Amino acid sequence: MLELLLLQFEQQFGYPFPLRECEDWAEIEVINLVYDCLQKNDPTIRTRPTVNKFPTAPRSKAVMKSDIDAEEEYKNK
């Protein structure tokens, strides 16, 4: 899935996604970030994602906060 999102990112924005900025992240976090960039049509990497767009993906619950916790954290900012 990540490979397809990376290809789509490059097609949409004209340059490859800067994976070096996310090299210590879990794969599901990178997937969520790239997906978010594509959906918002904004290639800017601001922060590590806190909302998991794919909660049924293998291991995603182990590496991401729950959607409820992430929403609360987002509202409190």
PDB file of N, CA and C in Angstrom:
ATOM      1  N   MET A   1       0.815  -1.190   0.000  1.00  0.00           N
ATOM      2  CA  MET A   1       0.000   0.000   0.000  1.00  0.00           C
ATOM      3  C   MET A   1       0.867   1.266   0.000  1.00  0.00           C
ATOM      4  N   LEU A   2       1.923   1.257   0.813  1.00  0.00           N
ATOM      5  CA  LEU A   2       2.795   2.428   0.887  1.00  0.00           C
ATOM      6  C   LEU A   2       3.401   2.739  -0.468  1.00  0.00           C
ATOM      7  N   GLU A   3       3.820   1.710  -1.186  1.00  0.00           N
ATOM      8  CA  GLU A   3       4.431   1.934  -2.491  1.00  0.00           C
ATOM      9  C   GLU A   3       3.478   2.639  -3.448  1.00  0.00           C
ATOM     10  N   LEU A   4       2.214   2.229  -3.428  1.00  0.00           N
ATOM     11  CA  LEU A   4       1.220   2.860  -4.304  1.00  0.00           C
ATOM     12  C   LEU A   4       0.986   4.319  -3.914  1.00  0.00           C
ATOM     13  N   LEU A   5       0.934   4.590  -2.625  1.00  0.00           N
ATOM     14  CA  LEU A   5       0.751   5.964  -2.167  1.00  0.00           C
ATOM     15  C   LEU A   5       1.952   6.832  -2.538  1.00  0.00           C
ATOM     16  N   LEU A   6       3.155   6.275  -2.449  1.00  0.00           N
ATOM     17  CA  LEU A   6       4.350   7.025  -2.820  1.00  0.00           C
ATOM     18  C   LEU A   6       4.356   7.352  -4.315  1.00  0.00           C
ATOM     19  N   LEU A   7       3.928   6.402  -5.137  1.00  0.00           N
ATOM     20  CA  LEU A   7       3.821   6.654  -6.576  1.00  0.00           C
ATOM     21  C   LEU A   7       2.781   7.734  -6.860  1.00  0.00           C
ATOM     22  N   GLN A   8       1.653   7.644  -6.185  1.00  0.00           N
ATOM     23  CA  GLN A   8       0.603   8.640  -6.380  1.00  0.00           C
ATOM     24  C   GLN A   8       1.077  10.022  -5.937  1.00  0.00           C
ATOM     25  N   PHE A   9       1.817  10.083  -4.824  1.00  0.00           N
ATOM     26  CA  PHE A   9       2.365  11.350  -4.336  1.00  0.00           C
ATOM     27  C   PHE A   9       3.245  11.973  -5.409  1.00  0.00           C
ATOM     28  N   GLU A  10       4.142  11.185  -5.983  1.00  0.00           N
ATOM     29  CA  GLU A  10       5.057  11.714  -7.002  1.00  0.00           C
ATOM     30  C   GLU A  10       4.309  12.174  -8.244  1.00  0.00           C
ATOM     31  N   GLN A  11       3.282  11.435  -8.637  1.00  0.00           N
ATOM     32  CA  GLN A  11       2.491  11.841  -9.798  1.00  0.00           C
ATOM     33  C   GLN A  11       1.712  13.125  -9.509  1.00  0.00           C
ATOM     34  N   GLN A  12       1.180  13.235  -8.310  1.00  0.00           N
ATOM     35  CA  GLN A  12       0.345  14.380  -7.966  1.00  0.00           C
ATOM     36  C   GLN A  12       1.148  15.661  -7.749  1.00  0.00           C
ATOM     37  N   PHE A  13       2.334  15.541  -7.133  1.00  0.00           N
ATOM     38  CA  PHE A  13       3.093  16.732  -6.770  1.00  0.00           C
ATOM     39  C   PHE A  13       4.347  16.964  -7.605  1.00  0.00           C
ATOM     40  N   GLY A  14       4.740  15.974  -8.409  1.00  0.00           N
ATOM     41  CA  GLY A  14       5.858  16.165  -9.321  1.00  0.00           C
ATOM     42  C   GLY A  14       7.232  15.890  -8.739  1.00  0.00           C
ATOM     43  N   TYR A  15       7.300  15.395  -7.514  1.00  0.00           N
ATOM     44  CA  TYR A  15       8.575  15.012  -6.902  1.00  0.00           C
ATOM     45  C   TYR A  15       8.309  13.911  -5.876  1.00  0.00           C
ATOM     46  N   PRO A  16       9.324  13.104  -5.540  1.00  0.00           N
ATOM     47  CA  PRO A  16       9.107  11.998  -4.608  1.00  0.00           C
ATOM     48  C   PRO A  16       8.869  12.480  -3.173  1.00  0.00           C
ATOM     49  N   PHE A  17       8.125  11.685  -2.439  1.00  0.00           N
ATOM     50  CA  PHE A  17       7.871  11.974  -1.032  1.00  0.00           C
ATOM     51  C   PHE A  17       9.196  11.898  -0.265  1.00  0.00           C
ATOM     52  N   PRO A  18       9.480  12.861   0.619  1.00  0.00           N
ATOM     53  CA  PRO A  18      10.755  12.867   1.364  1.00  0.00           C
ATOM     54  C   PRO A  18      10.747  11.870   2.526  1.00  0.00           C
ATOM     55  N   LEU A  19      11.013  10.617   2.208  1.00  0.00           N
ATOM     56  CA  LEU A  19      10.977   9.564   3.232  1.00  0.00           C
ATOM     57  C   LEU A  19      12.012   9.766   4.341  1.00  0.00           C
ATOM     58  N   ARG A  20      13.092  10.445   4.059  1.00  0.00           N
ATOM     59  CA  ARG A  20      14.130  10.659   5.082  1.00  0.00           C
ATOM     60  C   ARG A  20      13.588  11.392   6.304  1.00  0.00           C
ATOM     61  N   GLU A  21      12.594  12.226   6.108  1.00  0.00           N
ATOM     62  CA  GLU A  21      12.017  12.967   7.224  1.00  0.00           C
ATOM     63  C   GLU A  21      11.183  12.069   8.139  1.00  0.00           C
ATOM     64  N   CYS A  22      10.892  10.869   7.690  1.00  0.00           N
ATOM     65  CA  CYS A  22      10.036   9.947   8.449  1.00  0.00           C
ATOM     66  C   CYS A  22      10.735   8.619   8.721  1.00  0.00           C
ATOM     67  N   GLU A  23      12.057   8.579   8.641  1.00  0.00           N
ATOM     68  CA  GLU A  23      12.760   7.301   8.692  1.00  0.00           C
ATOM     69  C   GLU A  23      12.637   6.555  10.021  1.00  0.00           C
ATOM     70  N   ASP A  24      12.336   7.239  11.120  1.00  0.00           N
ATOM     71  CA  ASP A  24      12.189   6.538  12.404  1.00  0.00           C
ATOM     72  C   ASP A  24      10.721   6.292  12.754  1.00  0.00           C
ATOM     73  N   TRP A  25       9.826   6.545  11.819  1.00  0.00           N
ATOM     74  CA  TRP A  25       8.392   6.345  12.044  1.00  0.00           C
ATOM     75  C   TRP A  25       7.990   4.914  11.704  1.00  0.00           C
ATOM     76  N   ALA A  26       6.878   4.469  12.271  1.00  0.00           N
ATOM     77  CA  ALA A  26       6.285   3.185  11.900  1.00  0.00           C
ATOM     78  C   ALA A  26       5.673   3.330  10.504  1.00  0.00           C
ATOM     79  N   GLU A  27       5.624   2.246   9.768  1.00  0.00           N
ATOM     80  CA  GLU A  27       5.112   2.300   8.398  1.00  0.00           C
ATOM     81  C   GLU A  27       3.682   2.834   8.346  1.00  0.00           C
ATOM     82  N   ILE A  28       2.836   2.437   9.284  1.00  0.00           N
ATOM     83  CA  ILE A  28       1.448   2.897   9.268  1.00  0.00           C
ATOM     84  C   ILE A  28       1.372   4.410   9.456  1.00  0.00           C
ATOM     85  N   GLU A  29       2.313   4.982  10.179  1.00  0.00           N
ATOM     86  CA  GLU A  29       2.333   6.435  10.356  1.00  0.00           C
ATOM     87  C   GLU A  29       2.678   7.135   9.039  1.00  0.00           C
ATOM     88  N   VAL A  30       3.627   6.572   8.290  1.00  0.00           N
ATOM     89  CA  VAL A  30       3.999   7.136   6.990  1.00  0.00           C
ATOM     90  C   VAL A  30       2.824   6.996   6.023  1.00  0.00           C
ATOM     91  N   ILE A  31       2.170   5.855   6.041  1.00  0.00           N
ATOM     92  CA  ILE A  31       0.998   5.641   5.192  1.00  0.00           C
ATOM     93  C   ILE A  31      -0.061   6.695   5.481  1.00  0.00           C
ATOM     94  N   ASN A  32      -0.343   6.914   6.760  1.00  0.00           N
ATOM     95  CA  ASN A  32      -1.343   7.914   7.136  1.00  0.00           C
ATOM     96  C   ASN A  32      -0.941   9.313   6.689  1.00  0.00           C
ATOM     97  N   LEU A  33       0.322   9.650   6.815  1.00  0.00           N
ATOM     98  CA  LEU A  33       0.794  10.977   6.418  1.00  0.00           C
ATOM     99  C   LEU A  33       0.688  11.177   4.906  1.00  0.00           C
ATOM    100  N   VAL A  34       1.169  10.219   4.134  1.00  0.00           N
ATOM    101  CA  VAL A  34       1.123  10.336   2.678  1.00  0.00           C
ATOM    102  C   VAL A  34      -0.337  10.400   2.211  1.00  0.00           C
ATOM    103  N   TYR A  35      -1.171   9.550   2.785  1.00  0.00           N
ATOM    104  CA  TYR A  35      -2.593   9.556   2.438  1.00  0.00           C
ATOM    105  C   TYR A  35      -3.216  10.913   2.737  1.00  0.00           C
ATOM    106  N   ASP A  36      -2.890  11.471   3.890  1.00  0.00           N
ATOM    107  CA  ASP A  36      -3.410  12.777   4.286  1.00  0.00           C
ATOM    108  C   ASP A  36      -2.950  13.871   3.313  1.00  0.00           C
ATOM    109  N   CYS A  37      -1.686  13.845   2.934  1.00  0.00           N
ATOM    110  CA  CYS A  37      -1.160  14.819   1.960  1.00  0.00           C
ATOM    111  C   CYS A  37      -1.927  14.726   0.643  1.00  0.00           C
ATOM    112  N   LEU A  38      -2.177  13.508   0.190  1.00  0.00           N
ATOM    113  CA  LEU A  38      -2.881  13.315  -1.071  1.00  0.00           C
ATOM    114  C   LEU A  38      -4.322  13.802  -0.981  1.00  0.00           C
ATOM    115  N   GLN A  39      -4.983  13.488   0.125  1.00  0.00           N
ATOM    116  CA  GLN A  39      -6.378  13.884   0.287  1.00  0.00           C
ATOM    117  C   GLN A  39      -6.543  15.398   0.388  1.00  0.00           C
ATOM    118  N   LYS A  40      -5.602  16.055   1.047  1.00  0.00           N
ATOM    119  CA  LYS A  40      -5.674  17.505   1.226  1.00  0.00           C
ATOM    120  C   LYS A  40      -5.025  18.274   0.076  1.00  0.00           C
ATOM    121  N   ASN A  41      -4.407  17.535  -0.850  1.00  0.00           N
ATOM    122  CA  ASN A  41      -3.655  18.126  -1.960  1.00  0.00           C
ATOM    123  C   ASN A  41      -2.614  19.120  -1.437  1.00  0.00           C
ATOM    124  N   ASP A  42      -1.932  18.703  -0.381  1.00  0.00           N
ATOM    125  CA  ASP A  42      -0.925  19.540   0.278  1.00  0.00           C
ATOM    126  C   ASP A  42       0.279  18.662   0.617  1.00  0.00           C
ATOM    127  N   PRO A  43       1.419  18.863  -0.057  1.00  0.00           N
ATOM    128  CA  PRO A  43       2.579  18.003   0.182  1.00  0.00           C
ATOM    129  C   PRO A  43       3.382  18.344   1.435  1.00  0.00           C
ATOM    130  N   THR A  44       2.942  19.314   2.208  1.00  0.00           N
ATOM    131  CA  THR A  44       3.690  19.768   3.376  1.00  0.00           C
ATOM    132  C   THR A  44       3.638  18.744   4.507  1.00  0.00           C
ATOM    133  N   ILE A  45       4.813  18.426   5.056  1.00  0.00           N
ATOM    134  CA  ILE A  45       4.893  17.536   6.210  1.00  0.00           C
ATOM    135  C   ILE A  45       5.009  18.421   7.443  1.00  0.00           C
ATOM    136  N   ARG A  46       3.974  18.429   8.249  1.00  0.00           N
ATOM    137  CA  ARG A  46       3.975  19.304   9.417  1.00  0.00           C
ATOM    138  C   ARG A  46       4.376  18.560  10.684  1.00  0.00           C
ATOM    139  N   THR A  47       3.627  17.542  11.013  1.00  0.00           N
ATOM    140  CA  THR A  47       3.895  16.775  12.228  1.00  0.00           C
ATOM    141  C   THR A  47       3.591  15.311  11.986  1.00  0.00           C
ATOM    142  N   ARG A  48       3.966  14.510  12.924  1.00  0.00           N
ATOM    143  CA  ARG A  48       3.652  13.093  12.882  1.00  0.00           C
ATOM    144  C   ARG A  48       2.139  12.931  13.011  1.00  0.00           C
ATOM    145  N   PRO A  49       1.521  12.101  12.176  1.00  0.00           N
ATOM    146  CA  PRO A  49       0.066  11.959  12.245  1.00  0.00           C
ATOM    147  C   PRO A  49      -0.386  11.287  13.533  1.00  0.00           C
ATOM    148  N   THR A  50      -1.540  11.709  14.040  1.00  0.00           N
ATOM    149  CA  THR A  50      -2.079  11.104  15.262  1.00  0.00           C
ATOM    150  C   THR A  50      -3.371  10.360  15.001  1.00  0.00           C
ATOM    151  N   VAL A  51      -4.037  10.638  13.891  1.00  0.00           N
ATOM    152  CA  VAL A  51      -5.281   9.949  13.563  1.00  0.00           C
ATOM    153  C   VAL A  51      -4.988   8.870  12.539  1.00  0.00           C
ATOM    154  N   ASN A  52      -5.381   7.651  12.855  1.00  0.00           N
ATOM    155  CA  ASN A  52      -5.150   6.521  11.977  1.00  0.00           C
ATOM    156  C   ASN A  52      -6.296   6.416  10.977  1.00  0.00           C
ATOM    157  N   LYS A  53      -6.010   6.602   9.708  1.00  0.00           N
ATOM    158  CA  LYS A  53      -7.015   6.521   8.650  1.00  0.00           C
ATOM    159  C   LYS A  53      -7.346   5.073   8.294  1.00  0.00           C
ATOM    160  N   PHE A  54      -6.526   4.132   8.751  1.00  0.00           N
ATOM    161  CA  PHE A  54      -6.696   2.711   8.421  1.00  0.00           C
ATOM    162  C   PHE A  54      -6.668   1.865   9.700  1.00  0.00           C
ATOM    163  N   PRO A  55      -7.683   1.988  10.560  1.00  0.00           N
ATOM    164  CA  PRO A  55      -7.649   1.289  11.847  1.00  0.00           C
ATOM    165  C   PRO A  55      -7.695  -0.228  11.756  1.00  0.00           C
ATOM    166  N   THR A  56      -8.093  -0.782  10.622  1.00  0.00           N
ATOM    167  CA  THR A  56      -8.148  -2.235  10.498  1.00  0.00           C
ATOM    168  C   THR A  56      -6.882  -2.821   9.878  1.00  0.00           C
ATOM    169  N   ALA A  57      -5.908  -1.968   9.560  1.00  0.00           N
ATOM    170  CA  ALA A  57      -4.645  -2.452   8.994  1.00  0.00           C
ATOM    171  C   ALA A  57      -3.884  -3.239  10.053  1.00  0.00           C
ATOM    172  N   PRO A  58      -3.166  -4.284   9.638  1.00  0.00           N
ATOM    173  CA  PRO A  58      -2.387  -5.056  10.607  1.00  0.00           C
ATOM    174  C   PRO A  58      -1.413  -4.188  11.388  1.00  0.00           C
ATOM    175  N   ARG A  59      -1.351  -4.389  12.688  1.00  0.00           N
ATOM    176  CA  ARG A  59      -0.454  -3.695  13.612  1.00  0.00           C
ATOM    177  C   ARG A  59      -0.765  -2.211  13.790  1.00  0.00           C
ATOM    178  N   SER A  60      -1.757  -1.674  13.108  1.00  0.00           N
ATOM    179  CA  SER A  60      -1.998  -0.232  13.193  1.00  0.00           C
ATOM    180  C   SER A  60      -2.420   0.197  14.590  1.00  0.00           C
ATOM    181  N   LYS A  61      -3.159  -0.635  15.303  1.00  0.00           N
ATOM    182  CA  LYS A  61      -3.578  -0.273  16.645  1.00  0.00           C
ATOM    183  C   LYS A  61      -2.403  -0.289  17.618  1.00  0.00           C
ATOM    184  N   ALA A  62      -1.401  -1.094  17.320  1.00  0.00           N
ATOM    185  CA  ALA A  62      -0.254  -1.184  18.212  1.00  0.00           C
ATOM    186  C   ALA A  62       0.666   0.026  18.107  1.00  0.00           C
ATOM    187  N   VAL A  63       0.681   0.691  16.980  1.00  0.00           N
ATOM    188  CA  VAL A  63       1.624   1.794  16.790  1.00  0.00           C
ATOM    189  C   VAL A  63       0.973   3.175  16.776  1.00  0.00           C
ATOM    190  N   MET A  64      -0.331   3.241  16.645  1.00  0.00           N
ATOM    191  CA  MET A  64      -1.013   4.525  16.598  1.00  0.00           C
ATOM    192  C   MET A  64      -1.890   4.697  17.827  1.00  0.00           C
ATOM    193  N   LYS A  65      -2.136   5.947  18.201  1.00  0.00           N
ATOM    194  CA  LYS A  65      -3.089   6.225  19.257  1.00  0.00           C
ATOM    195  C   LYS A  65      -4.474   5.864  18.737  1.00  0.00           C
ATOM    196  N   SER A  66      -5.401   5.635  19.650  1.00  0.00           N
ATOM    197  CA  SER A  66      -6.762   5.382  19.197  1.00  0.00           C
ATOM    198  C   SER A  66      -7.324   6.655  18.582  1.00  0.00           C
ATOM    199  N   ASP A  67      -8.291   6.490  17.730  1.00  0.00           N
ATOM    200  CA  ASP A  67      -8.892   7.651  17.073  1.00  0.00           C
ATOM    201  C   ASP A  67      -9.515   8.601  18.086  1.00  0.00           C
ATOM    202  N   ILE A  68     -10.070   8.077  19.147  1.00  0.00           N
ATOM    203  CA  ILE A  68     -10.695   8.927  20.168  1.00  0.00           C
ATOM    204  C   ILE A  68      -9.644   9.776  20.860  1.00  0.00           C
ATOM    205  N   ASP A  69      -8.542   9.173  21.277  1.00  0.00           N
ATOM    206  CA  ASP A  69      -7.463   9.927  21.927  1.00  0.00           C
ATOM    207  C   ASP A  69      -6.895  10.982  20.990  1.00  0.00           C
ATOM    208  N   ALA A  70      -6.729  10.629  19.736  1.00  0.00           N
ATOM    209  CA  ALA A  70      -6.164  11.569  18.766  1.00  0.00           C
ATOM    210  C   ALA A  70      -7.100  12.749  18.543  1.00  0.00           C
ATOM    211  N   GLU A  71      -8.387  12.482  18.460  1.00  0.00           N
ATOM    212  CA  GLU A  71      -9.345  13.567  18.277  1.00  0.00           C
ATOM    213  C   GLU A  71      -9.331  14.510  19.480  1.00  0.00           C
ATOM    214  N   GLU A  72      -9.285  13.949  20.686  1.00  0.00           N
ATOM    215  CA  GLU A  72      -9.226  14.776  21.893  1.00  0.00           C
ATOM    216  C   GLU A  72      -7.960  15.633  21.922  1.00  0.00           C
ATOM    217  N   GLU A  73      -6.842  15.035  21.565  1.00  0.00           N
ATOM    218  CA  GLU A  73      -5.581  15.767  21.532  1.00  0.00           C
ATOM    219  C   GLU A  73      -5.647  16.904  20.519  1.00  0.00           C
ATOM    220  N   TYR A  74      -6.251  16.619  19.360  1.00  0.00           N
ATOM    221  CA  TYR A  74      -6.371  17.626  18.307  1.00  0.00           C
ATOM    222  C   TYR A  74      -7.261  18.797  18.770  1.00  0.00           C
ATOM    223  N   LYS A  75      -8.362  18.481  19.434  1.00  0.00           N
ATOM    224  CA  LYS A  75      -9.281  19.521  19.920  1.00  0.00           C
ATOM    225  C   LYS A  75      -8.651  20.396  20.979  1.00  0.00           C
ATOM    226  N   ASN A  76      -7.749  19.833  21.777  1.00  0.00           N
ATOM    227  CA  ASN A  76      -7.129  20.570  22.865  1.00  0.00           C
ATOM    228  C   ASN A  76      -5.985  21.459  22.416  1.00  0.00           C
ATOM    229  N   LYS A  77      -5.594  21.407  21.156  1.00  0.00           N
ATOM    230  CA  LYS A  77      -4.484  22.228  20.662  1.00  0.00           C
ATOM    231  C   LYS A  77      -4.921  23.622  20.375  1.00  0.00           C
TER     232      LYS A  77
END
